[in-house]
Amino acid sequence: MKLSAHALRSLQELDEIGREAVEQMVRAHIRACRLNGFQPENLERVYQEAIEIIRLEGPPSKDPGFVPSKYEPTRRYEQYRSPRAL
């Protein structure tokens, strides 16, 4: 997989922990695609989104006290409500 200059520069700007977290996210995405029976497309975009997530949220911490629930999402998105409804 050949990355564009912009994506490669963004990846190189991260520290070693950040780069490893990006690679781990991309590998998890590829694994999920293959488990669902299709080939991953546009890995350039997957790398860009992983880099954005690491920049915004930081690398995932290995906190032993936190165990994510098997049935609950790790992220929550608020449902859109129009200003008129408020």
PDB file of N, CA and C in Angstrom:
ATOM      1  N   MET A   1       0.857  -1.182   0.000  1.00  0.00           N
ATOM      2  CA  MET A   1       0.000   0.000   0.000  1.00  0.00           C
ATOM      3  C   MET A   1       0.888   1.225   0.000  1.00  0.00           C
ATOM      4  N   LYS A   2       0.684   2.077  -0.966  1.00  0.00           N
ATOM      5  CA  LYS A   2       1.456   3.301  -1.075  1.00  0.00           C
ATOM      6  C   LYS A   2       0.596   4.472  -0.614  1.00  0.00           C
ATOM      7  N   LEU A   3       1.100   5.209   0.358  1.00  0.00           N
ATOM      8  CA  LEU A   3       0.371   6.352   0.896  1.00  0.00           C
ATOM      9  C   LEU A   3       0.774   7.623   0.168  1.00  0.00           C
ATOM     10  N   SER A   4      -0.126   8.593   0.131  1.00  0.00           N
ATOM     11  CA  SER A   4       0.197   9.888  -0.460  1.00  0.00           C
ATOM     12  C   SER A   4       1.198  10.619   0.429  1.00  0.00           C
ATOM     13  N   ALA A   5       1.797  11.640  -0.120  1.00  0.00           N
ATOM     14  CA  ALA A   5       2.795  12.411   0.629  1.00  0.00           C
ATOM     15  C   ALA A   5       2.162  13.056   1.860  1.00  0.00           C
ATOM     16  N   HIS A   6       0.935  13.529   1.718  1.00  0.00           N
ATOM     17  CA  HIS A   6       0.253  14.176   2.844  1.00  0.00           C
ATOM     18  C   HIS A   6       0.001  13.184   3.983  1.00  0.00           C
ATOM     19  N   ALA A   7      -0.513  12.000   3.639  1.00  0.00           N
ATOM     20  CA  ALA A   7      -0.792  10.995   4.665  1.00  0.00           C
ATOM     21  C   ALA A   7       0.500  10.500   5.306  1.00  0.00           C
ATOM     22  N   LEU A   8       1.525  10.317   4.502  1.00  0.00           N
ATOM     23  CA  LEU A   8       2.808   9.853   5.030  1.00  0.00           C
ATOM     24  C   LEU A   8       3.423  10.895   5.965  1.00  0.00           C
ATOM     25  N   ARG A   9       3.321  12.168   5.593  1.00  0.00           N
ATOM     26  CA  ARG A   9       3.847  13.241   6.440  1.00  0.00           C
ATOM     27  C   ARG A   9       3.061  13.316   7.756  1.00  0.00           C
ATOM     28  N   SER A  10       1.737  13.171   7.674  1.00  0.00           N
ATOM     29  CA  SER A  10       0.907  13.191   8.888  1.00  0.00           C
ATOM     30  C   SER A  10       1.257  12.028   9.802  1.00  0.00           C
ATOM     31  N   LEU A  11       1.508  10.875   9.218  1.00  0.00           N
ATOM     32  CA  LEU A  11       1.874   9.699  10.010  1.00  0.00           C
ATOM     33  C   LEU A  11       3.236   9.886  10.664  1.00  0.00           C
ATOM     34  N   GLN A  12       4.172  10.497   9.945  1.00  0.00           N
ATOM     35  CA  GLN A  12       5.508  10.700  10.491  1.00  0.00           C
ATOM     36  C   GLN A  12       5.545  11.780  11.568  1.00  0.00           C
ATOM     37  N   GLU A  13       4.552  12.676  11.573  1.00  0.00           N
ATOM     38  CA  GLU A  13       4.498  13.713  12.603  1.00  0.00           C
ATOM     39  C   GLU A  13       4.091  13.153  13.967  1.00  0.00           C
ATOM     40  N   LEU A  14       3.463  11.983  13.969  1.00  0.00           N
ATOM     41  CA  LEU A  14       3.072  11.354  15.229  1.00  0.00           C
ATOM     42  C   LEU A  14       4.290  10.746  15.913  1.00  0.00           C
ATOM     43  N   ASP A  15       4.214  10.608  17.222  1.00  0.00           N
ATOM     44  CA  ASP A  15       5.301   9.927  17.930  1.00  0.00           C
ATOM     45  C   ASP A  15       5.172   8.419  17.716  1.00  0.00           C
ATOM     46  N   GLU A  16       6.111   7.659  18.247  1.00  0.00           N
ATOM     47  CA  GLU A  16       6.151   6.210  18.029  1.00  0.00           C
ATOM     48  C   GLU A  16       4.880   5.525  18.550  1.00  0.00           C
ATOM     49  N   ILE A  17       4.392   5.955  19.704  1.00  0.00           N
ATOM     50  CA  ILE A  17       3.174   5.367  20.270  1.00  0.00           C
ATOM     51  C   ILE A  17       1.977   5.660  19.367  1.00  0.00           C
ATOM     52  N   GLY A  18       1.903   6.877  18.855  1.00  0.00           N
ATOM     53  CA  GLY A  18       0.811   7.252  17.958  1.00  0.00           C
ATOM     54  C   GLY A  18       0.842   6.470  16.661  1.00  0.00           C
ATOM     55  N   ARG A  19       2.029   6.314  16.084  1.00  0.00           N
ATOM     56  CA  ARG A  19       2.150   5.537  14.844  1.00  0.00           C
ATOM     57  C   ARG A  19       1.740   4.085  15.059  1.00  0.00           C
ATOM     58  N   GLU A  20       2.155   3.508  16.195  1.00  0.00           N
ATOM     59  CA  GLU A  20       1.784   2.129  16.490  1.00  0.00           C
ATOM     60  C   GLU A  20       0.272   2.011  16.675  1.00  0.00           C
ATOM     61  N   ALA A  21      -0.358   3.016  17.307  1.00  0.00           N
ATOM     62  CA  ALA A  21      -1.810   2.991  17.497  1.00  0.00           C
ATOM     63  C   ALA A  21      -2.530   3.091  16.152  1.00  0.00           C
ATOM     64  N   VAL A  22      -2.008   3.914  15.234  1.00  0.00           N
ATOM     65  CA  VAL A  22      -2.602   4.029  13.900  1.00  0.00           C
ATOM     66  C   VAL A  22      -2.498   2.695  13.171  1.00  0.00           C
ATOM     67  N   GLU A  23      -1.327   2.088  13.212  1.00  0.00           N
ATOM     68  CA  GLU A  23      -1.145   0.792  12.549  1.00  0.00           C
ATOM     69  C   GLU A  23      -2.080  -0.268  13.140  1.00  0.00           C
ATOM     70  N   GLN A  24      -2.256  -0.235  14.440  1.00  0.00           N
ATOM     71  CA  GLN A  24      -3.145  -1.193  15.101  1.00  0.00           C
ATOM     72  C   GLN A  24      -4.591  -0.983  14.647  1.00  0.00           C
ATOM     73  N   MET A  25      -5.022   0.276  14.516  1.00  0.00           N
ATOM     74  CA  MET A  25      -6.387   0.565  14.066  1.00  0.00           C
ATOM     75  C   MET A  25      -6.592   0.108  12.624  1.00  0.00           C
ATOM     76  N   VAL A  26      -5.594   0.330  11.779  1.00  0.00           N
ATOM     77  CA  VAL A  26      -5.709  -0.075  10.377  1.00  0.00           C
ATOM     78  C   VAL A  26      -5.763  -1.600  10.272  1.00  0.00           C
ATOM     79  N   ARG A  27      -4.917  -2.286  11.047  1.00  0.00           N
ATOM     80  CA  ARG A  27      -4.950  -3.759  11.034  1.00  0.00           C
ATOM     81  C   ARG A  27      -6.302  -4.276  11.514  1.00  0.00           C
ATOM     82  N   ALA A  28      -6.872  -3.639  12.531  1.00  0.00           N
ATOM     83  CA  ALA A  28      -8.186  -4.055  13.032  1.00  0.00           C
ATOM     84  C   ALA A  28      -9.263  -3.841  11.967  1.00  0.00           C
ATOM     85  N   HIS A  29      -9.160  -2.752  11.219  1.00  0.00           N
ATOM     86  CA  HIS A  29     -10.116  -2.480  10.141  1.00  0.00           C
ATOM     87  C   HIS A  29     -10.012  -3.546   9.046  1.00  0.00           C
ATOM     88  N   ILE A  30      -8.797  -3.870   8.660  1.00  0.00           N
ATOM     89  CA  ILE A  30      -8.596  -4.885   7.621  1.00  0.00           C
ATOM     90  C   ILE A  30      -9.113  -6.243   8.097  1.00  0.00           C
ATOM     91  N   ARG A  31      -8.833  -6.583   9.340  1.00  0.00           N
ATOM     92  CA  ARG A  31      -9.315  -7.849   9.908  1.00  0.00           C
ATOM     93  C   ARG A  31     -10.844  -7.890   9.904  1.00  0.00           C
ATOM     94  N   ALA A  32     -11.482  -6.791  10.284  1.00  0.00           N
ATOM     95  CA  ALA A  32     -12.945  -6.743  10.305  1.00  0.00           C
ATOM     96  C   ALA A  32     -13.521  -6.871   8.892  1.00  0.00           C
ATOM     97  N   CYS A  33     -12.881  -6.235   7.924  1.00  0.00           N
ATOM     98  CA  CYS A  33     -13.348  -6.347   6.541  1.00  0.00           C
ATOM     99  C   CYS A  33     -13.280  -7.793   6.062  1.00  0.00           C
ATOM    100  N   ARG A  34     -12.176  -8.443   6.344  1.00  0.00           N
ATOM    101  CA  ARG A  34     -12.014  -9.829   5.893  1.00  0.00           C
ATOM    102  C   ARG A  34     -12.971 -10.770   6.614  1.00  0.00           C
ATOM    103  N   LEU A  35     -13.241 -10.516   7.894  1.00  0.00           N
ATOM    104  CA  LEU A  35     -14.197 -11.351   8.624  1.00  0.00           C
ATOM    105  C   LEU A  35     -15.604 -11.221   8.052  1.00  0.00           C
ATOM    106  N   ASN A  36     -15.906 -10.040   7.499  1.00  0.00           N
ATOM    107  CA  ASN A  36     -17.223  -9.821   6.914  1.00  0.00           C
ATOM    108  C   ASN A  36     -17.284 -10.197   5.442  1.00  0.00           C
ATOM    109  N   GLY A  37     -16.187 -10.734   4.914  1.00  0.00           N
ATOM    110  CA  GLY A  37     -16.211 -11.296   3.570  1.00  0.00           C
ATOM    111  C   GLY A  37     -15.958 -10.352   2.426  1.00  0.00           C
ATOM    112  N   PHE A  38     -15.285  -9.232   2.653  1.00  0.00           N
ATOM    113  CA  PHE A  38     -14.944  -8.378   1.520  1.00  0.00           C
ATOM    114  C   PHE A  38     -13.564  -7.781   1.703  1.00  0.00           C
ATOM    115  N   GLN A  39     -12.980  -7.363   0.583  1.00  0.00           N
ATOM    116  CA  GLN A  39     -11.650  -6.776   0.602  1.00  0.00           C
ATOM    117  C   GLN A  39     -11.750  -5.307   1.009  1.00  0.00           C
ATOM    118  N   PRO A  40     -10.846  -4.849   1.853  1.00  0.00           N
ATOM    119  CA  PRO A  40     -10.878  -3.435   2.243  1.00  0.00           C
ATOM    120  C   PRO A  40     -10.546  -2.545   1.048  1.00  0.00           C
ATOM    121  N   GLU A  41     -11.252  -1.438   0.952  1.00  0.00           N
ATOM    122  CA  GLU A  41     -11.019  -0.488  -0.125  1.00  0.00           C
ATOM    123  C   GLU A  41     -10.499   0.816   0.457  1.00  0.00           C
ATOM    124  N   ASN A  42      -9.757   1.536  -0.322  1.00  0.00           N
ATOM    125  CA  ASN A  42      -9.284   2.879   0.004  1.00  0.00           C
ATOM    126  C   ASN A  42      -8.592   2.939   1.364  1.00  0.00           C
ATOM    127  N   LEU A  43      -7.507   2.211   1.499  1.00  0.00           N
ATOM    128  CA  LEU A  43      -6.761   2.217   2.753  1.00  0.00           C
ATOM    129  C   LEU A  43      -6.150   3.582   3.055  1.00  0.00           C
ATOM    130  N   GLU A  44      -5.998   4.392   2.032  1.00  0.00           N
ATOM    131  CA  GLU A  44      -5.520   5.768   2.238  1.00  0.00           C
ATOM    132  C   GLU A  44      -6.465   6.502   3.195  1.00  0.00           C
ATOM    133  N   ARG A  45      -7.754   6.374   2.961  1.00  0.00           N
ATOM    134  CA  ARG A  45      -8.750   7.032   3.807  1.00  0.00           C
ATOM    135  C   ARG A  45      -8.778   6.426   5.211  1.00  0.00           C
ATOM    136  N   VAL A  46      -8.580   5.126   5.297  1.00  0.00           N
ATOM    137  CA  VAL A  46      -8.547   4.470   6.610  1.00  0.00           C
ATOM    138  C   VAL A  46      -7.383   5.019   7.427  1.00  0.00           C
ATOM    139  N   TYR A  47      -6.224   5.172   6.794  1.00  0.00           N
ATOM    140  CA  TYR A  47      -5.068   5.748   7.489  1.00  0.00           C
ATOM    141  C   TYR A  47      -5.362   7.172   7.932  1.00  0.00           C
ATOM    142  N   GLN A  48      -5.958   7.981   7.046  1.00  0.00           N
ATOM    143  CA  GLN A  48      -6.240   9.374   7.394  1.00  0.00           C
ATOM    144  C   GLN A  48      -7.204   9.464   8.576  1.00  0.00           C
ATOM    145  N   GLU A  49      -8.228   8.633   8.574  1.00  0.00           N
ATOM    146  CA  GLU A  49      -9.183   8.664   9.686  1.00  0.00           C
ATOM    147  C   GLU A  49      -8.554   8.177  10.984  1.00  0.00           C
ATOM    148  N   ALA A  50      -7.691   7.165  10.899  1.00  0.00           N
ATOM    149  CA  ALA A  50      -7.009   6.679  12.102  1.00  0.00           C
ATOM    150  C   ALA A  50      -6.086   7.755  12.668  1.00  0.00           C
ATOM    151  N   ILE A  51      -5.402   8.462  11.795  1.00  0.00           N
ATOM    152  CA  ILE A  51      -4.522   9.556  12.248  1.00  0.00           C
ATOM    153  C   ILE A  51      -5.341  10.650  12.921  1.00  0.00           C
ATOM    154  N   GLU A  52      -6.495  10.994  12.336  1.00  0.00           N
ATOM    155  CA  GLU A  52      -7.359  12.013  12.943  1.00  0.00           C
ATOM    156  C   GLU A  52      -7.853  11.576  14.310  1.00  0.00           C
ATOM    157  N   ILE A  53      -8.237  10.315  14.446  1.00  0.00           N
ATOM    158  CA  ILE A  53      -8.722   9.821  15.739  1.00  0.00           C
ATOM    159  C   ILE A  53      -7.620   9.889  16.784  1.00  0.00           C
ATOM    160  N   ILE A  54      -6.409   9.493  16.419  1.00  0.00           N
ATOM    161  CA  ILE A  54      -5.293   9.537  17.369  1.00  0.00           C
ATOM    162  C   ILE A  54      -4.976  10.974  17.745  1.00  0.00           C
ATOM    163  N   ARG A  55      -5.040  11.886  16.791  1.00  0.00           N
ATOM    164  CA  ARG A  55      -4.778  13.298  17.117  1.00  0.00           C
ATOM    165  C   ARG A  55      -5.833  13.871  18.049  1.00  0.00           C
ATOM    166  N   LEU A  56      -7.095  13.514  17.817  1.00  0.00           N
ATOM    167  CA  LEU A  56      -8.175  14.068  18.632  1.00  0.00           C
ATOM    168  C   LEU A  56      -8.301  13.393  19.990  1.00  0.00           C
ATOM    169  N   GLU A  57      -8.211  12.063  20.014  1.00  0.00           N
ATOM    170  CA  GLU A  57      -8.465  11.321  21.246  1.00  0.00           C
ATOM    171  C   GLU A  57      -7.200  10.832  21.922  1.00  0.00           C
ATOM    172  N   GLY A  58      -6.085  10.851  21.223  1.00  0.00           N
ATOM    173  CA  GLY A  58      -4.847  10.316  21.778  1.00  0.00           C
ATOM    174  C   GLY A  58      -4.819   8.804  21.625  1.00  0.00           C
ATOM    175  N   PRO A  59      -3.664   8.229  21.827  1.00  0.00           N
ATOM    176  CA  PRO A  59      -3.579   6.769  21.720  1.00  0.00           C
ATOM    177  C   PRO A  59      -4.387   6.103  22.825  1.00  0.00           C
ATOM    178  N   PRO A  60      -4.917   4.930  22.551  1.00  0.00           N
ATOM    179  CA  PRO A  60      -5.715   4.247  23.577  1.00  0.00           C
ATOM    180  C   PRO A  60      -4.860   3.887  24.790  1.00  0.00           C
ATOM    181  N   SER A  61      -5.409   4.112  25.959  1.00  0.00           N
ATOM    182  CA  SER A  61      -4.658   3.806  27.178  1.00  0.00           C
ATOM    183  C   SER A  61      -4.912   2.369  27.583  1.00  0.00           C
ATOM    184  N   LYS A  62      -3.948   1.782  28.219  1.00  0.00           N
ATOM    185  CA  LYS A  62      -4.077   0.403  28.688  1.00  0.00           C
ATOM    186  C   LYS A  62      -4.403   0.432  30.174  1.00  0.00           C
ATOM    187  N   ASP A  63      -5.552   0.985  30.492  1.00  0.00           N
ATOM    188  CA  ASP A  63      -5.984   1.105  31.877  1.00  0.00           C
ATOM    189  C   ASP A  63      -6.580  -0.227  32.328  1.00  0.00           C
ATOM    190  N   PRO A  64      -5.972  -0.897  33.299  1.00  0.00           N
ATOM    191  CA  PRO A  64      -6.490  -2.201  33.718  1.00  0.00           C
ATOM    192  C   PRO A  64      -7.849  -2.109  34.410  1.00  0.00           C
ATOM    193  N   GLY A  65      -8.202  -0.938  34.935  1.00  0.00           N
ATOM    194  CA  GLY A  65      -9.475  -0.786  35.613  1.00  0.00           C
ATOM    195  C   GLY A  65     -10.634  -0.634  34.651  1.00  0.00           C
ATOM    196  N   PHE A  66     -10.353  -0.296  33.413  1.00  0.00           N
ATOM    197  CA  PHE A  66     -11.406  -0.088  32.423  1.00  0.00           C
ATOM    198  C   PHE A  66     -11.481  -1.289  31.497  1.00  0.00           C
ATOM    199  N   VAL A  67     -12.626  -1.947  31.512  1.00  0.00           N
ATOM    200  CA  VAL A  67     -12.873  -3.062  30.608  1.00  0.00           C
ATOM    201  C   VAL A  67     -14.134  -2.720  29.822  1.00  0.00           C
ATOM    202  N   PRO A  68     -14.000  -2.475  28.517  1.00  0.00           N
ATOM    203  CA  PRO A  68     -15.193  -2.106  27.757  1.00  0.00           C
ATOM    204  C   PRO A  68     -16.203  -3.240  27.726  1.00  0.00           C
ATOM    205  N   SER A  69     -17.452  -2.869  27.807  1.00  0.00           N
ATOM    206  CA  SER A  69     -18.521  -3.857  27.781  1.00  0.00           C
ATOM    207  C   SER A  69     -18.613  -4.476  26.394  1.00  0.00           C
ATOM    208  N   LYS A  70     -18.940  -5.719  26.356  1.00  0.00           N
ATOM    209  CA  LYS A  70     -19.071  -6.420  25.091  1.00  0.00           C
ATOM    210  C   LYS A  70     -20.260  -5.899  24.286  1.00  0.00           C
ATOM    211  N   TYR A  71     -21.252  -5.357  24.969  1.00  0.00           N
ATOM    212  CA  TYR A  71     -22.491  -4.985  24.312  1.00  0.00           C
ATOM    213  C   TYR A  71     -22.699  -3.482  24.181  1.00  0.00           C
ATOM    214  N   GLU A  72     -21.816  -2.680  24.722  1.00  0.00           N
ATOM    215  CA  GLU A  72     -21.986  -1.239  24.641  1.00  0.00           C
ATOM    216  C   GLU A  72     -20.939  -0.641  23.726  1.00  0.00           C
ATOM    217  N   PRO A  73     -21.302   0.354  22.926  1.00  0.00           N
ATOM    218  CA  PRO A  73     -20.311   0.995  22.059  1.00  0.00           C
ATOM    219  C   PRO A  73     -19.334   1.817  22.893  1.00  0.00           C
ATOM    220  N   THR A  74     -18.116   1.938  22.401  1.00  0.00           N
ATOM    221  CA  THR A  74     -17.122   2.718  23.132  1.00  0.00           C
ATOM    222  C   THR A  74     -17.288   4.203  22.862  1.00  0.00           C
ATOM    223  N   ARG A  75     -17.968   4.549  21.777  1.00  0.00           N
ATOM    224  CA  ARG A  75     -18.246   5.957  21.478  1.00  0.00           C
ATOM    225  C   ARG A  75     -19.746   6.128  21.395  1.00  0.00           C
ATOM    226  N   ARG A  76     -20.186   7.283  21.790  1.00  0.00           N
ATOM    227  CA  ARG A  76     -21.605   7.599  21.677  1.00  0.00           C
ATOM    228  C   ARG A  76     -21.751   8.875  20.864  1.00  0.00           C
ATOM    229  N   TYR A  77     -22.705   8.880  19.975  1.00  0.00           N
ATOM    230  CA  TYR A  77     -22.984  10.047  19.155  1.00  0.00           C
ATOM    231  C   TYR A  77     -24.374  10.554  19.493  1.00  0.00           C
ATOM    232  N   GLU A  78     -24.449  11.824  19.784  1.00  0.00           N
ATOM    233  CA  GLU A  78     -25.734  12.410  20.122  1.00  0.00           C
ATOM    234  C   GLU A  78     -26.628  12.431  18.891  1.00  0.00           C
ATOM    235  N   GLN A  79     -27.907  12.184  19.106  1.00  0.00           N
ATOM    236  CA  GLN A  79     -28.850  12.228  17.999  1.00  0.00           C
ATOM    237  C   GLN A  79     -29.129  13.682  17.669  1.00  0.00           C
ATOM    238  N   TYR A  80     -29.242  13.971  16.394  1.00  0.00           N
ATOM    239  CA  TYR A  80     -29.491  15.333  15.960  1.00  0.00           C
ATOM    240  C   TYR A  80     -30.880  15.782  16.385  1.00  0.00           C
ATOM    241  N   ARG A  81     -30.939  16.975  16.934  1.00  0.00           N
ATOM    242  CA  ARG A  81     -32.215  17.609  17.266  1.00  0.00           C
ATOM    243  C   ARG A  81     -32.192  18.991  16.641  1.00  0.00           C
ATOM    244  N   SER A  82     -33.240  19.313  15.946  1.00  0.00           N
ATOM    245  CA  SER A  82     -33.290  20.614  15.263  1.00  0.00           C
ATOM    246  C   SER A  82     -33.408  21.721  16.303  1.00  0.00           C
ATOM    247  N   PRO A  83     -32.936  22.911  15.985  1.00  0.00           N
ATOM    248  CA  PRO A  83     -33.062  24.041  16.913  1.00  0.00           C
ATOM    249  C   PRO A  83     -34.524  24.353  17.252  1.00  0.00           C
ATOM    250  N   ARG A  84     -35.416  24.065  16.351  1.00  0.00           N
ATOM    251  CA  ARG A  84     -36.835  24.335  16.584  1.00  0.00           C
ATOM    252  C   ARG A  84     -37.383  23.403  17.673  1.00  0.00           C
ATOM    253  N   ALA A  85     -36.864  22.177  17.727  1.00  0.00           N
ATOM    254  CA  ALA A  85     -37.327  21.226  18.736  1.00  0.00           C
ATOM    255  C   ALA A  85     -36.842  21.591  20.134  1.00  0.00           C
ATOM    256  N   LEU A  86     -35.762  22.343  20.211  1.00  0.00           N
ATOM    257  CA  LEU A  86     -35.253  22.759  21.516  1.00  0.00           C
ATOM    258  C   LEU A  86     -36.061  23.893  22.017  1.00  0.00           C
TER     259      LEU A  86
END
